[in-house]
Amino acid sequence: MAEKPTMELMDAILAAFNSHDAAAVASFFAPNGVMLAPAGPEPVGRTLVGPNAIQAALEKRFVDSPDIQWTEAKTWIFENKALSEWRVRGTAPDGSTIDTLGCDLWEFEDAKVLKKDTYYKLKTA
């Protein structure tokens, strides 16, 4: 029987994000795991494939926004999938304030992330 995601696993992933530990976050992904960033040149935003690409992108994100934190998280698990809602706050690379709501759609295989697909609200003037 395949190991399914747990709330403890989801809490550990969030803790790795909030401690800005890009290597730890990447370690939760399967070798062929995919992270779909919400913004980028593709219709899906930006596709990152594999732990190395994910770690490199997150290292840059954590340097560019050194105070970024995901809070107010709620998570639901359905078989091998999960949904997490959160609020992200911090400082953007241009010095503006980040404060938005978003969610991640997760897919797992044997407790490793196969896909993390991020969506968030875009605040406008």
PDB file of N, CA and C in Angstrom:
ATOM      1  N   MET A   1       0.834  -1.191   0.000  1.00  0.00           N
ATOM      2  CA  MET A   1       0.000   0.000   0.000  1.00  0.00           C
ATOM      3  C   MET A   1       0.876   1.251   0.000  1.00  0.00           C
ATOM      4  N   ALA A   2       0.556   2.198  -0.871  1.00  0.00           N
ATOM      5  CA  ALA A   2       1.338   3.434  -0.988  1.00  0.00           C
ATOM      6  C   ALA A   2       1.123   4.311   0.232  1.00  0.00           C
ATOM      7  N   GLU A   3       2.209   4.927   0.673  1.00  0.00           N
ATOM      8  CA  GLU A   3       2.137   5.845   1.805  1.00  0.00           C
ATOM      9  C   GLU A   3       1.480   7.145   1.351  1.00  0.00           C
ATOM     10  N   LYS A   4       0.481   7.599   2.093  1.00  0.00           N
ATOM     11  CA  LYS A   4      -0.255   8.810   1.750  1.00  0.00           C
ATOM     12  C   LYS A   4       0.266   9.999   2.553  1.00  0.00           C
ATOM     13  N   PRO A   5       0.000  11.198   2.086  1.00  0.00           N
ATOM     14  CA  PRO A   5       0.430  12.379   2.847  1.00  0.00           C
ATOM     15  C   PRO A   5      -0.322  12.459   4.166  1.00  0.00           C
ATOM     16  N   THR A   6       0.301  13.094   5.138  1.00  0.00           N
ATOM     17  CA  THR A   6      -0.287  13.287   6.464  1.00  0.00           C
ATOM     18  C   THR A   6      -0.232  14.763   6.821  1.00  0.00           C
ATOM     19  N   MET A   7      -0.973  15.128   7.856  1.00  0.00           N
ATOM     20  CA  MET A   7      -0.910  16.512   8.333  1.00  0.00           C
ATOM     21  C   MET A   7       0.491  16.826   8.854  1.00  0.00           C
ATOM     22  N   GLU A   8       1.150  15.835   9.462  1.00  0.00           N
ATOM     23  CA  GLU A   8       2.516  16.041   9.951  1.00  0.00           C
ATOM     24  C   GLU A   8       3.454  16.359   8.795  1.00  0.00           C
ATOM     25  N   LEU A   9       3.292  15.673   7.672  1.00  0.00           N
ATOM     26  CA  LEU A   9       4.114  15.943   6.492  1.00  0.00           C
ATOM     27  C   LEU A   9       3.846  17.354   5.973  1.00  0.00           C
ATOM     28  N   MET A  10       2.577  17.720   5.877  1.00  0.00           N
ATOM     29  CA  MET A  10       2.240  19.055   5.373  1.00  0.00           C
ATOM     30  C   MET A  10       2.784  20.143   6.301  1.00  0.00           C
ATOM     31  N   ASP A  11       2.704  19.902   7.617  1.00  0.00           N
ATOM     32  CA  ASP A  11       3.262  20.863   8.578  1.00  0.00           C
ATOM     33  C   ASP A  11       4.778  20.975   8.420  1.00  0.00           C
ATOM     34  N   ALA A  12       5.453  19.860   8.156  1.00  0.00           N
ATOM     35  CA  ALA A  12       6.911  19.871   7.976  1.00  0.00           C
ATOM     36  C   ALA A  12       7.300  20.644   6.714  1.00  0.00           C
ATOM     37  N   ILE A  13       6.526  20.483   5.662  1.00  0.00           N
ATOM     38  CA  ILE A  13       6.801  21.227   4.420  1.00  0.00           C
ATOM     39  C   ILE A  13       6.645  22.724   4.671  1.00  0.00           C
ATOM     40  N   LEU A  14       5.555  23.127   5.331  1.00  0.00           N
ATOM     41  CA  LEU A  14       5.335  24.543   5.638  1.00  0.00           C
ATOM     42  C   LEU A  14       6.448  25.089   6.517  1.00  0.00           C
ATOM     43  N   ALA A  15       6.874  24.309   7.505  1.00  0.00           N
ATOM     44  CA  ALA A  15       7.962  24.748   8.383  1.00  0.00           C
ATOM     45  C   ALA A  15       9.250  24.963   7.590  1.00  0.00           C
ATOM     46  N   ALA A  16       9.527  24.087   6.624  1.00  0.00           N
ATOM     47  CA  ALA A  16      10.726  24.246   5.788  1.00  0.00           C
ATOM     48  C   ALA A  16      10.641  25.531   4.964  1.00  0.00           C
ATOM     49  N   PHE A  17       9.455  25.822   4.407  1.00  0.00           N
ATOM     50  CA  PHE A  17       9.270  27.081   3.678  1.00  0.00           C
ATOM     51  C   PHE A  17       9.521  28.268   4.609  1.00  0.00           C
ATOM     52  N   ASN A  18       8.918  28.244   5.791  1.00  0.00           N
ATOM     53  CA  ASN A  18       9.025  29.390   6.696  1.00  0.00           C
ATOM     54  C   ASN A  18      10.398  29.537   7.334  1.00  0.00           C
ATOM     55  N   SER A  19      11.201  28.476   7.356  1.00  0.00           N
ATOM     56  CA  SER A  19      12.576  28.601   7.854  1.00  0.00           C
ATOM     57  C   SER A  19      13.542  28.921   6.723  1.00  0.00           C
ATOM     58  N   HIS A  20      13.002  29.077   5.510  1.00  0.00           N
ATOM     59  CA  HIS A  20      13.776  29.420   4.316  1.00  0.00           C
ATOM     60  C   HIS A  20      14.842  28.369   4.019  1.00  0.00           C
ATOM     61  N   ASP A  21      14.507  27.121   4.263  1.00  0.00           N
ATOM     62  CA  ASP A  21      15.418  26.003   4.025  1.00  0.00           C
ATOM     63  C   ASP A  21      15.079  25.369   2.685  1.00  0.00           C
ATOM     64  N   ALA A  22      15.634  25.923   1.620  1.00  0.00           N
ATOM     65  CA  ALA A  22      15.324  25.470   0.263  1.00  0.00           C
ATOM     66  C   ALA A  22      15.685  23.999   0.056  1.00  0.00           C
ATOM     67  N   ALA A  23      16.785  23.554   0.648  1.00  0.00           N
ATOM     68  CA  ALA A  23      17.183  22.143   0.517  1.00  0.00           C
ATOM     69  C   ALA A  23      16.160  21.234   1.186  1.00  0.00           C
ATOM     70  N   ALA A  24      15.664  21.637   2.340  1.00  0.00           N
ATOM     71  CA  ALA A  24      14.655  20.824   3.024  1.00  0.00           C
ATOM     72  C   ALA A  24      13.365  20.765   2.216  1.00  0.00           C
ATOM     73  N   VAL A  25      12.919  21.902   1.688  1.00  0.00           N
ATOM     74  CA  VAL A  25      11.711  21.900   0.856  1.00  0.00           C
ATOM     75  C   VAL A  25      11.910  20.963  -0.327  1.00  0.00           C
ATOM     76  N   ALA A  26      13.025  21.095  -1.022  1.00  0.00           N
ATOM     77  CA  ALA A  26      13.295  20.271  -2.207  1.00  0.00           C
ATOM     78  C   ALA A  26      13.325  18.784  -1.863  1.00  0.00           C
ATOM     79  N   SER A  27      13.743  18.444  -0.651  1.00  0.00           N
ATOM     80  CA  SER A  27      13.840  17.035  -0.256  1.00  0.00           C
ATOM     81  C   SER A  27      12.482  16.360  -0.159  1.00  0.00           C
ATOM     82  N   PHE A  28      11.417  17.130  -0.073  1.00  0.00           N
ATOM     83  CA  PHE A  28      10.074  16.554  -0.014  1.00  0.00           C
ATOM     84  C   PHE A  28       9.562  16.146  -1.398  1.00  0.00           C
ATOM     85  N   PHE A  29      10.259  16.554  -2.458  1.00  0.00           N
ATOM     86  CA  PHE A  29       9.815  16.286  -3.827  1.00  0.00           C
ATOM     87  C   PHE A  29      10.409  14.992  -4.360  1.00  0.00           C
ATOM     88  N   ALA A  30       9.615  14.282  -5.145  1.00  0.00           N
ATOM     89  CA  ALA A  30      10.088  13.099  -5.866  1.00  0.00           C
ATOM     90  C   ALA A  30      11.126  13.547  -6.890  1.00  0.00           C
ATOM     91  N   PRO A  31      11.988  12.626  -7.370  1.00  0.00           N
ATOM     92  CA  PRO A  31      12.997  12.998  -8.369  1.00  0.00           C
ATOM     93  C   PRO A  31      12.397  13.680  -9.601  1.00  0.00           C
ATOM     94  N   ASN A  32      11.184  13.308  -9.972  1.00  0.00           N
ATOM     95  CA  ASN A  32      10.505  13.916 -11.124  1.00  0.00           C
ATOM     96  C   ASN A  32       9.413  14.886 -10.673  1.00  0.00           C
ATOM     97  N   GLY A  33       9.475  15.305  -9.402  1.00  0.00           N
ATOM     98  CA  GLY A  33       8.466  16.207  -8.862  1.00  0.00           C
ATOM     99  C   GLY A  33       8.469  17.550  -9.565  1.00  0.00           C
ATOM    100  N   VAL A  34       7.292  18.150  -9.632  1.00  0.00           N
ATOM    101  CA  VAL A  34       7.107  19.406 -10.360  1.00  0.00           C
ATOM    102  C   VAL A  34       6.521  20.454  -9.420  1.00  0.00           C
ATOM    103  N   MET A  35       7.077  21.652  -9.491  1.00  0.00           N
ATOM    104  CA  MET A  35       6.499  22.812  -8.819  1.00  0.00           C
ATOM    105  C   MET A  35       6.082  23.790  -9.904  1.00  0.00           C
ATOM    106  N   LEU A  36       4.807  24.149  -9.909  1.00  0.00           N
ATOM    107  CA  LEU A  36       4.300  25.123 -10.866  1.00  0.00           C
ATOM    108  C   LEU A  36       4.161  26.460 -10.146  1.00  0.00           C
ATOM    109  N   ALA A  37       5.086  27.359 -10.433  1.00  0.00           N
ATOM    110  CA  ALA A  37       5.062  28.691  -9.826  1.00  0.00           C
ATOM    111  C   ALA A  37       3.917  29.484 -10.449  1.00  0.00           C
ATOM    112  N   PRO A  38       3.272  30.375  -9.700  1.00  0.00           N
ATOM    113  CA  PRO A  38       2.099  31.074 -10.211  1.00  0.00           C
ATOM    114  C   PRO A  38       2.391  32.112 -11.286  1.00  0.00           C
ATOM    115  N   ALA A  39       3.621  32.578 -11.371  1.00  0.00           N
ATOM    116  CA  ALA A  39       3.948  33.607 -12.353  1.00  0.00           C
ATOM    117  C   ALA A  39       5.128  33.150 -13.200  1.00  0.00           C
ATOM    118  N   GLY A  40       5.104  33.508 -14.452  1.00  0.00           N
ATOM    119  CA  GLY A  40       6.195  33.155 -15.337  1.00  0.00           C
ATOM    120  C   GLY A  40       5.760  33.177 -16.788  1.00  0.00           C
ATOM    121  N   PRO A  41       6.628  32.729 -17.678  1.00  0.00           N
ATOM    122  CA  PRO A  41       6.399  32.851 -19.108  1.00  0.00           C
ATOM    123  C   PRO A  41       5.471  31.795 -19.715  1.00  0.00           C
ATOM    124  N   GLU A  42       5.064  30.815 -18.950  1.00  0.00           N
ATOM    125  CA  GLU A  42       4.232  29.723 -19.474  1.00  0.00           C
ATOM    126  C   GLU A  42       2.767  29.920 -19.069  1.00  0.00           C
ATOM    127  N   PRO A  43       1.846  29.254 -19.744  1.00  0.00           N
ATOM    128  CA  PRO A  43       0.442  29.334 -19.329  1.00  0.00           C
ATOM    129  C   PRO A  43       0.231  28.870 -17.884  1.00  0.00           C
ATOM    130  N   VAL A  44       1.091  27.978 -17.391  1.00  0.00           N
ATOM    131  CA  VAL A  44       0.993  27.493 -16.005  1.00  0.00           C
ATOM    132  C   VAL A  44       1.814  28.339 -15.042  1.00  0.00           C
ATOM    133  N   GLY A  45       2.438  29.376 -15.505  1.00  0.00           N
ATOM    134  CA  GLY A  45       3.339  30.210 -14.703  1.00  0.00           C
ATOM    135  C   GLY A  45       4.768  29.880 -15.050  1.00  0.00           C
ATOM    136  N   ARG A  46       5.394  29.065 -14.208  1.00  0.00           N
ATOM    137  CA  ARG A  46       6.767  28.607 -14.481  1.00  0.00           C
ATOM    138  C   ARG A  46       6.895  27.195 -13.940  1.00  0.00           C
ATOM    139  N   THR A  47       7.326  26.285 -14.777  1.00  0.00           N
ATOM    140  CA  THR A  47       7.473  24.886 -14.398  1.00  0.00           C
ATOM    141  C   THR A  47       8.892  24.616 -13.924  1.00  0.00           C
ATOM    142  N   LEU A  48       8.995  24.099 -12.717  1.00  0.00           N
ATOM    143  CA  LEU A  48      10.281  23.676 -12.163  1.00  0.00           C
ATOM    144  C   LEU A  48      10.205  22.165 -11.992  1.00  0.00           C
ATOM    145  N   VAL A  49      11.160  21.433 -12.537  1.00  0.00           N
ATOM    146  CA  VAL A  49      11.128  19.979 -12.488  1.00  0.00           C
ATOM    147  C   VAL A  49      12.340  19.458 -11.728  1.00  0.00           C
ATOM    148  N   GLY A  50      12.068  18.660 -10.702  1.00  0.00           N
ATOM    149  CA  GLY A  50      13.120  18.013  -9.928  1.00  0.00           C
ATOM    150  C   GLY A  50      13.584  18.845  -8.759  1.00  0.00           C
ATOM    151  N   PRO A  51      14.063  18.168  -7.718  1.00  0.00           N
ATOM    152  CA  PRO A  51      14.505  18.858  -6.507  1.00  0.00           C
ATOM    153  C   PRO A  51      15.586  19.910  -6.736  1.00  0.00           C
ATOM    154  N   ASN A  52      16.521  19.679  -7.645  1.00  0.00           N
ATOM    155  CA  ASN A  52      17.596  20.662  -7.853  1.00  0.00           C
ATOM    156  C   ASN A  52      17.056  21.984  -8.394  1.00  0.00           C
ATOM    157  N   ALA A  53      16.167  21.917  -9.382  1.00  0.00           N
ATOM    158  CA  ALA A  53      15.582  23.137  -9.952  1.00  0.00           C
ATOM    159  C   ALA A  53      14.707  23.845  -8.925  1.00  0.00           C
ATOM    160  N   ILE A  54      13.975  23.064  -8.160  1.00  0.00           N
ATOM    161  CA  ILE A  54      13.102  23.639  -7.129  1.00  0.00           C
ATOM    162  C   ILE A  54      13.944  24.317  -6.056  1.00  0.00           C
ATOM    163  N   GLN A  55      14.999  23.667  -5.612  1.00  0.00           N
ATOM    164  CA  GLN A  55      15.871  24.253  -4.597  1.00  0.00           C
ATOM    165  C   GLN A  55      16.489  25.548  -5.097  1.00  0.00           C
ATOM    166  N   ALA A  56      16.985  25.563  -6.323  1.00  0.00           N
ATOM    167  CA  ALA A  56      17.619  26.775  -6.864  1.00  0.00           C
ATOM    168  C   ALA A  56      16.625  27.941  -6.925  1.00  0.00           C
ATOM    169  N   ALA A  57      15.404  27.676  -7.363  1.00  0.00           N
ATOM    170  CA  ALA A  57      14.399  28.742  -7.451  1.00  0.00           C
ATOM    171  C   ALA A  57      14.039  29.261  -6.060  1.00  0.00           C
ATOM    172  N   LEU A  58      13.911  28.350  -5.099  1.00  0.00           N
ATOM    173  CA  LEU A  58      13.565  28.776  -3.744  1.00  0.00           C
ATOM    174  C   LEU A  58      14.710  29.525  -3.072  1.00  0.00           C
ATOM    175  N   GLU A  59      15.947  29.124  -3.316  1.00  0.00           N
ATOM    176  CA  GLU A  59      17.085  29.868  -2.762  1.00  0.00           C
ATOM    177  C   GLU A  59      17.032  31.319  -3.224  1.00  0.00           C
ATOM    178  N   LYS A  60      16.754  31.520  -4.510  1.00  0.00           N
ATOM    179  CA  LYS A  60      16.639  32.884  -5.042  1.00  0.00           C
ATOM    180  C   LYS A  60      15.468  33.615  -4.389  1.00  0.00           C
ATOM    181  N   ARG A  61      14.328  32.934  -4.261  1.00  0.00           N
ATOM    182  CA  ARG A  61      13.146  33.551  -3.657  1.00  0.00           C
ATOM    183  C   ARG A  61      13.438  33.997  -2.227  1.00  0.00           C
ATOM    184  N   PHE A  62      14.114  33.150  -1.460  1.00  0.00           N
ATOM    185  CA  PHE A  62      14.387  33.474  -0.062  1.00  0.00           C
ATOM    186  C   PHE A  62      15.420  34.595   0.076  1.00  0.00           C
ATOM    187  N   VAL A  63      16.338  34.725  -0.871  1.00  0.00           N
ATOM    188  CA  VAL A  63      17.285  35.842  -0.867  1.00  0.00           C
ATOM    189  C   VAL A  63      16.564  37.126  -1.279  1.00  0.00           C
ATOM    190  N   ASP A  64      15.728  37.026  -2.320  1.00  0.00           N
ATOM    191  CA  ASP A  64      15.013  38.195  -2.825  1.00  0.00           C
ATOM    192  C   ASP A  64      13.971  38.731  -1.838  1.00  0.00           C
ATOM    193  N   SER A  65      13.382  37.847  -1.047  1.00  0.00           N
ATOM    194  CA  SER A  65      12.356  38.223  -0.066  1.00  0.00           C
ATOM    195  C   SER A  65      12.706  37.583   1.279  1.00  0.00           C
ATOM    196  N   PRO A  66      13.711  38.122   1.973  1.00  0.00           N
ATOM    197  CA  PRO A  66      14.251  37.448   3.155  1.00  0.00           C
ATOM    198  C   PRO A  66      13.297  37.357   4.347  1.00  0.00           C
ATOM    199  N   ASP A  67      12.211  38.099   4.329  1.00  0.00           N
ATOM    200  CA  ASP A  67      11.270  38.040   5.450  1.00  0.00           C
ATOM    201  C   ASP A  67       9.961  37.338   5.090  1.00  0.00           C
ATOM    202  N   ILE A  68       9.909  36.678   3.949  1.00  0.00           N
ATOM    203  CA  ILE A  68       8.672  36.043   3.488  1.00  0.00           C
ATOM    204  C   ILE A  68       8.249  34.914   4.434  1.00  0.00           C
ATOM    205  N   GLN A  69       6.939  34.893   4.731  1.00  0.00           N
ATOM    206  CA  GLN A  69       6.374  33.878   5.630  1.00  0.00           C
ATOM    207  C   GLN A  69       4.970  33.507   5.153  1.00  0.00           C
ATOM    208  N   TRP A  70       4.659  32.222   5.272  1.00  0.00           N
ATOM    209  CA  TRP A  70       3.332  31.706   4.959  1.00  0.00           C
ATOM    210  C   TRP A  70       2.637  31.428   6.281  1.00  0.00           C
ATOM    211  N   THR A  71       1.498  32.096   6.496  1.00  0.00           N
ATOM    212  CA  THR A  71       0.789  31.988   7.772  1.00  0.00           C
ATOM    213  C   THR A  71      -0.678  31.639   7.520  1.00  0.00           C
ATOM    214  N   GLU A  72      -1.409  31.497   8.609  1.00  0.00           N
ATOM    215  CA  GLU A  72      -2.851  31.240   8.542  1.00  0.00           C
ATOM    216  C   GLU A  72      -3.165  30.029   7.661  1.00  0.00           C
ATOM    217  N   ALA A  73      -2.285  29.048   7.694  1.00  0.00           N
ATOM    218  CA  ALA A  73      -2.428  27.885   6.814  1.00  0.00           C
ATOM    219  C   ALA A  73      -3.535  26.956   7.298  1.00  0.00           C
ATOM    220  N   LYS A  74      -4.286  26.456   6.329  1.00  0.00           N
ATOM    221  CA  LYS A  74      -5.282  25.408   6.547  1.00  0.00           C
ATOM    222  C   LYS A  74      -5.026  24.359   5.480  1.00  0.00           C
ATOM    223  N   THR A  75      -5.110  23.095   5.850  1.00  0.00           N
ATOM    224  CA  THR A  75      -4.822  22.026   4.908  1.00  0.00           C
ATOM    225  C   THR A  75      -5.886  20.942   4.980  1.00  0.00           C
ATOM    226  N   TRP A  76      -6.235  20.429   3.818  1.00  0.00           N
ATOM    227  CA  TRP A  76      -7.147  19.294   3.701  1.00  0.00           C
ATOM    228  C   TRP A  76      -6.452  18.225   2.875  1.00  0.00           C
ATOM    229  N   ILE A  77      -6.591  16.980   3.286  1.00  0.00           N
ATOM    230  CA  ILE A  77      -5.956  15.861   2.578  1.00  0.00           C
ATOM    231  C   ILE A  77      -7.044  14.936   2.049  1.00  0.00           C
ATOM    232  N   PHE A  78      -6.893  14.545   0.776  1.00  0.00           N
ATOM    233  CA  PHE A  78      -7.833  13.661   0.101  1.00  0.00           C
ATOM    234  C   PHE A  78      -7.028  12.573  -0.610  1.00  0.00           C
ATOM    235  N   GLU A  79      -6.961  11.392   0.001  1.00  0.00           N
ATOM    236  CA  GLU A  79      -6.194  10.285  -0.583  1.00  0.00           C
ATOM    237  C   GLU A  79      -4.750  10.732  -0.831  1.00  0.00           C
ATOM    238  N   ASN A  80      -4.325  10.814  -2.110  1.00  0.00           N
ATOM    239  CA  ASN A  80      -2.941  11.206  -2.417  1.00  0.00           C
ATOM    240  C   ASN A  80      -2.827  12.684  -2.796  1.00  0.00           C
ATOM    241  N   LYS A  81      -3.864  13.468  -2.491  1.00  0.00           N
ATOM    242  CA  LYS A  81      -3.862  14.891  -2.827  1.00  0.00           C
ATOM    243  C   LYS A  81      -4.106  15.723  -1.572  1.00  0.00           C
ATOM    244  N   ALA A  82      -3.679  16.955  -1.644  1.00  0.00           N
ATOM    245  CA  ALA A  82      -3.929  17.892  -0.548  1.00  0.00           C
ATOM    246  C   ALA A  82      -4.200  19.275  -1.127  1.00  0.00           C
ATOM    247  N   LEU A  83      -4.904  20.053  -0.357  1.00  0.00           N
ATOM    248  CA  LEU A  83      -5.171  21.455  -0.665  1.00  0.00           C
ATOM    249  C   LEU A  83      -4.735  22.252   0.553  1.00  0.00           C
ATOM    250  N   SER A  84      -3.924  23.259   0.331  1.00  0.00           N
ATOM    251  CA  SER A  84      -3.546  24.139   1.433  1.00  0.00           C
ATOM    252  C   SER A  84      -3.854  25.579   1.053  1.00  0.00           C
ATOM    253  N   GLU A  85      -4.473  26.291   1.987  1.00  0.00           N
ATOM    254  CA  GLU A  85      -4.721  27.722   1.849  1.00  0.00           C
ATOM    255  C   GLU A  85      -3.786  28.435   2.803  1.00  0.00           C
ATOM    256  N   TRP A  86      -3.373  29.644   2.443  1.00  0.00           N
ATOM    257  CA  TRP A  86      -2.430  30.370   3.280  1.00  0.00           C
ATOM    258  C   TRP A  86      -2.474  31.859   2.961  1.00  0.00           C
ATOM    259  N   ARG A  87      -1.808  32.596   3.822  1.00  0.00           N
ATOM    260  CA  ARG A  87      -1.559  34.020   3.591  1.00  0.00           C
ATOM    261  C   ARG A  87      -0.050  34.174   3.560  1.00  0.00           C
ATOM    262  N   VAL A  88       0.467  34.849   2.562  1.00  0.00           N
ATOM    263  CA  VAL A  88       1.908  35.068   2.466  1.00  0.00           C
ATOM    264  C   VAL A  88       2.181  36.555   2.641  1.00  0.00           C
ATOM    265  N   ARG A  89       3.196  36.839   3.477  1.00  0.00           N
ATOM    266  CA  ARG A  89       3.578  38.221   3.761  1.00  0.00           C
ATOM    267  C   ARG A  89       5.090  38.336   3.702  1.00  0.00           C
ATOM    268  N   GLY A  90       5.531  39.489   3.311  1.00  0.00           N
ATOM    269  CA  GLY A  90       6.959  39.756   3.267  1.00  0.00           C
ATOM    270  C   GLY A  90       7.234  40.992   2.442  1.00  0.00           C
ATOM    271  N   THR A  91       8.474  41.117   2.024  1.00  0.00           N
ATOM    272  CA  THR A  91       8.906  42.241   1.208  1.00  0.00           C
ATOM    273  C   THR A  91       9.349  41.714  -0.147  1.00  0.00           C
ATOM    274  N   ALA A  92       8.805  42.291  -1.207  1.00  0.00           N
ATOM    275  CA  ALA A  92       9.165  41.910  -2.570  1.00  0.00           C
ATOM    276  C   ALA A  92      10.542  42.468  -2.907  1.00  0.00           C
ATOM    277  N   PRO A  93      11.189  41.930  -3.944  1.00  0.00           N
ATOM    278  CA  PRO A  93      12.516  42.422  -4.332  1.00  0.00           C
ATOM    279  C   PRO A  93      12.557  43.928  -4.612  1.00  0.00           C
ATOM    280  N   ASP A  94      11.431  44.510  -5.076  1.00  0.00           N
ATOM    281  CA  ASP A  94      11.404  45.953  -5.363  1.00  0.00           C
ATOM    282  C   ASP A  94      11.113  46.799  -4.124  1.00  0.00           C
ATOM    283  N   GLY A  95      10.986  46.141  -2.951  1.00  0.00           N
ATOM    284  CA  GLY A  95      10.740  46.858  -1.710  1.00  0.00           C
ATOM    285  C   GLY A  95       9.269  46.985  -1.350  1.00  0.00           C
ATOM    286  N   SER A  96       8.382  46.616  -2.255  1.00  0.00           N
ATOM    287  CA  SER A  96       6.954  46.684  -1.955  1.00  0.00           C
ATOM    288  C   SER A  96       6.560  45.562  -0.991  1.00  0.00           C
ATOM    289  N   THR A  97       5.381  45.720  -0.414  1.00  0.00           N
ATOM    290  CA  THR A  97       4.890  44.750   0.562  1.00  0.00           C
ATOM    291  C   THR A  97       4.146  43.617  -0.122  1.00  0.00           C
ATOM    292  N   ILE A  98       4.457  42.404   0.287  1.00  0.00           N
ATOM    293  CA  ILE A  98       3.708  41.222  -0.137  1.00  0.00           C
ATOM    294  C   ILE A  98       2.716  40.916   0.976  1.00  0.00           C
ATOM    295  N   ASP A  99       1.451  40.821   0.635  1.00  0.00           N
ATOM    296  CA  ASP A  99       0.411  40.426   1.586  1.00  0.00           C
ATOM    297  C   ASP A  99      -0.760  39.924   0.758  1.00  0.00           C
ATOM    298  N   THR A 100      -0.818  38.629   0.554  1.00  0.00           N
ATOM    299  CA  THR A 100      -1.842  38.077  -0.317  1.00  0.00           C
ATOM    300  C   THR A 100      -2.275  36.692   0.150  1.00  0.00           C
ATOM    301  N   LEU A 101      -3.430  36.294  -0.305  1.00  0.00           N
ATOM    302  CA  LEU A 101      -3.973  34.970  -0.022  1.00  0.00           C
ATOM    303  C   LEU A 101      -3.722  34.055  -1.208  1.00  0.00           C
ATOM    304  N   GLY A 102      -3.514  32.778  -0.927  1.00  0.00           N
ATOM    305  CA  GLY A 102      -3.293  31.837  -2.009  1.00  0.00           C
ATOM    306  C   GLY A 102      -3.559  30.422  -1.564  1.00  0.00           C
ATOM    307  N   CYS A 103      -3.326  29.516  -2.487  1.00  0.00           N
ATOM    308  CA  CYS A 103      -3.501  28.102  -2.177  1.00  0.00           C
ATOM    309  C   CYS A 103      -2.550  27.276  -3.039  1.00  0.00           C
ATOM    310  N   ASP A 104      -2.305  26.077  -2.559  1.00  0.00           N
ATOM    311  CA  ASP A 104      -1.511  25.098  -3.303  1.00  0.00           C
ATOM    312  C   ASP A 104      -2.339  23.843  -3.473  1.00  0.00           C
ATOM    313  N   LEU A 105      -2.283  23.291  -4.664  1.00  0.00           N
ATOM    314  CA  LEU A 105      -2.855  21.978  -4.945  1.00  0.00           C
ATOM    315  C   LEU A 105      -1.676  21.015  -5.012  1.00  0.00           C
ATOM    316  N   TRP A 106      -1.726  19.980  -4.199  1.00  0.00           N
ATOM    317  CA  TRP A 106      -0.620  19.040  -4.060  1.00  0.00           C
ATOM    318  C   TRP A 106      -1.027  17.661  -4.556  1.00  0.00           C
ATOM    319  N   GLU A 107      -0.068  16.953  -5.134  1.00  0.00           N
ATOM    320  CA  GLU A 107      -0.258  15.544  -5.483  1.00  0.00           C
ATOM    321  C   GLU A 107       0.971  14.786  -4.997  1.00  0.00           C
ATOM    322  N   PHE A 108       0.750  13.638  -4.358  1.00  0.00           N
ATOM    323  CA  PHE A 108       1.823  12.862  -3.740  1.00  0.00           C
ATOM    324  C   PHE A 108       1.861  11.434  -4.268  1.00  0.00           C
ATOM    325  N   GLU A 109       3.033  10.856  -4.171  1.00  0.00           N
ATOM    326  CA  GLU A 109       3.204   9.418  -4.393  1.00  0.00           C
ATOM    327  C   GLU A 109       4.202   8.935  -3.351  1.00  0.00           C
ATOM    328  N   ASP A 110       3.780   7.972  -2.539  1.00  0.00           N
ATOM    329  CA  ASP A 110       4.618   7.456  -1.454  1.00  0.00           C
ATOM    330  C   ASP A 110       5.185   8.592  -0.597  1.00  0.00           C
ATOM    331  N   ALA A 111       4.313   9.523  -0.252  1.00  0.00           N
ATOM    332  CA  ALA A 111       4.628  10.653   0.629  1.00  0.00           C
ATOM    333  C   ALA A 111       5.689  11.605   0.058  1.00  0.00           C
ATOM    334  N   LYS A 112       5.934  11.544  -1.228  1.00  0.00           N
ATOM    335  CA  LYS A 112       6.804  12.515  -1.897  1.00  0.00           C
ATOM    336  C   LYS A 112       5.938  13.359  -2.832  1.00  0.00           C
ATOM    337  N   VAL A 113       6.263  14.633  -2.957  1.00  0.00           N
ATOM    338  CA  VAL A 113       5.484  15.541  -3.798  1.00  0.00           C
ATOM    339  C   VAL A 113       5.750  15.235  -5.275  1.00  0.00           C
ATOM    340  N   LEU A 114       4.670  14.924  -5.988  1.00  0.00           N
ATOM    341  CA  LEU A 114       4.754  14.794  -7.447  1.00  0.00           C
ATOM    342  C   LEU A 114       4.476  16.129  -8.120  1.00  0.00           C
ATOM    343  N   LYS A 115       3.532  16.888  -7.521  1.00  0.00           N
ATOM    344  CA  LYS A 115       3.187  18.189  -8.105  1.00  0.00           C
ATOM    345  C   LYS A 115       2.688  19.135  -7.028  1.00  0.00           C
ATOM    346  N   LYS A 116       3.188  20.358  -7.081  1.00  0.00           N
ATOM    347  CA  LYS A 116       2.713  21.468  -6.252  1.00  0.00           C
ATOM    348  C   LYS A 116       2.341  22.580  -7.213  1.00  0.00           C
ATOM    349  N   ASP A 117       1.076  22.932  -7.240  1.00  0.00           N
ATOM    350  CA  ASP A 117       0.560  23.934  -8.165  1.00  0.00           C
ATOM    351  C   ASP A 117       0.031  25.103  -7.336  1.00  0.00           C
ATOM    352  N   THR A 118       0.638  26.280  -7.474  1.00  0.00           N
ATOM    353  CA  THR A 118       0.324  27.437  -6.639  1.00  0.00           C
ATOM    354  C   THR A 118      -0.566  28.429  -7.371  1.00  0.00           C
ATOM    355  N   TYR A 119      -1.569  28.928  -6.621  1.00  0.00           N
ATOM    356  CA  TYR A 119      -2.472  29.970  -7.096  1.00  0.00           C
ATOM    357  C   TYR A 119      -2.549  31.047  -6.021  1.00  0.00           C
ATOM    358  N   TYR A 120      -2.631  32.314  -6.411  1.00  0.00           N
ATOM    359  CA  TYR A 120      -2.808  33.361  -5.409  1.00  0.00           C
ATOM    360  C   TYR A 120      -3.567  34.543  -5.984  1.00  0.00           C
ATOM    361  N   LYS A 121      -4.107  35.331  -5.071  1.00  0.00           N
ATOM    362  CA  LYS A 121      -4.807  36.547  -5.431  1.00  0.00           C
ATOM    363  C   LYS A 121      -3.783  37.600  -5.835  1.00  0.00           C
ATOM    364  N   LEU A 122      -4.119  38.411  -6.794  1.00  0.00           N
ATOM    365  CA  LEU A 122      -3.229  39.473  -7.238  1.00  0.00           C
ATOM    366  C   LEU A 122      -3.885  40.811  -6.889  1.00  0.00           C
ATOM    367  N   LYS A 123      -3.253  41.490  -5.943  1.00  0.00           N
ATOM    368  CA  LYS A 123      -3.774  42.774  -5.469  1.00  0.00           C
ATOM    369  C   LYS A 123      -3.411  43.868  -6.473  1.00  0.00           C
ATOM    370  N   THR A 124      -4.407  44.661  -6.864  1.00  0.00           N
ATOM    371  CA  THR A 124      -4.172  45.766  -7.785  1.00  0.00           C
ATOM    372  C   THR A 124      -4.670  47.056  -7.139  1.00  0.00           C
ATOM    373  N   ALA A 125      -4.284  48.144  -7.727  1.00  0.00           N
ATOM    374  CA  ALA A 125      -4.662  49.464  -7.182  1.00  0.00           C
ATOM    375  C   ALA A 125      -6.132  49.732  -7.317  1.00  0.00           C
TER     376      ALA A 125
END
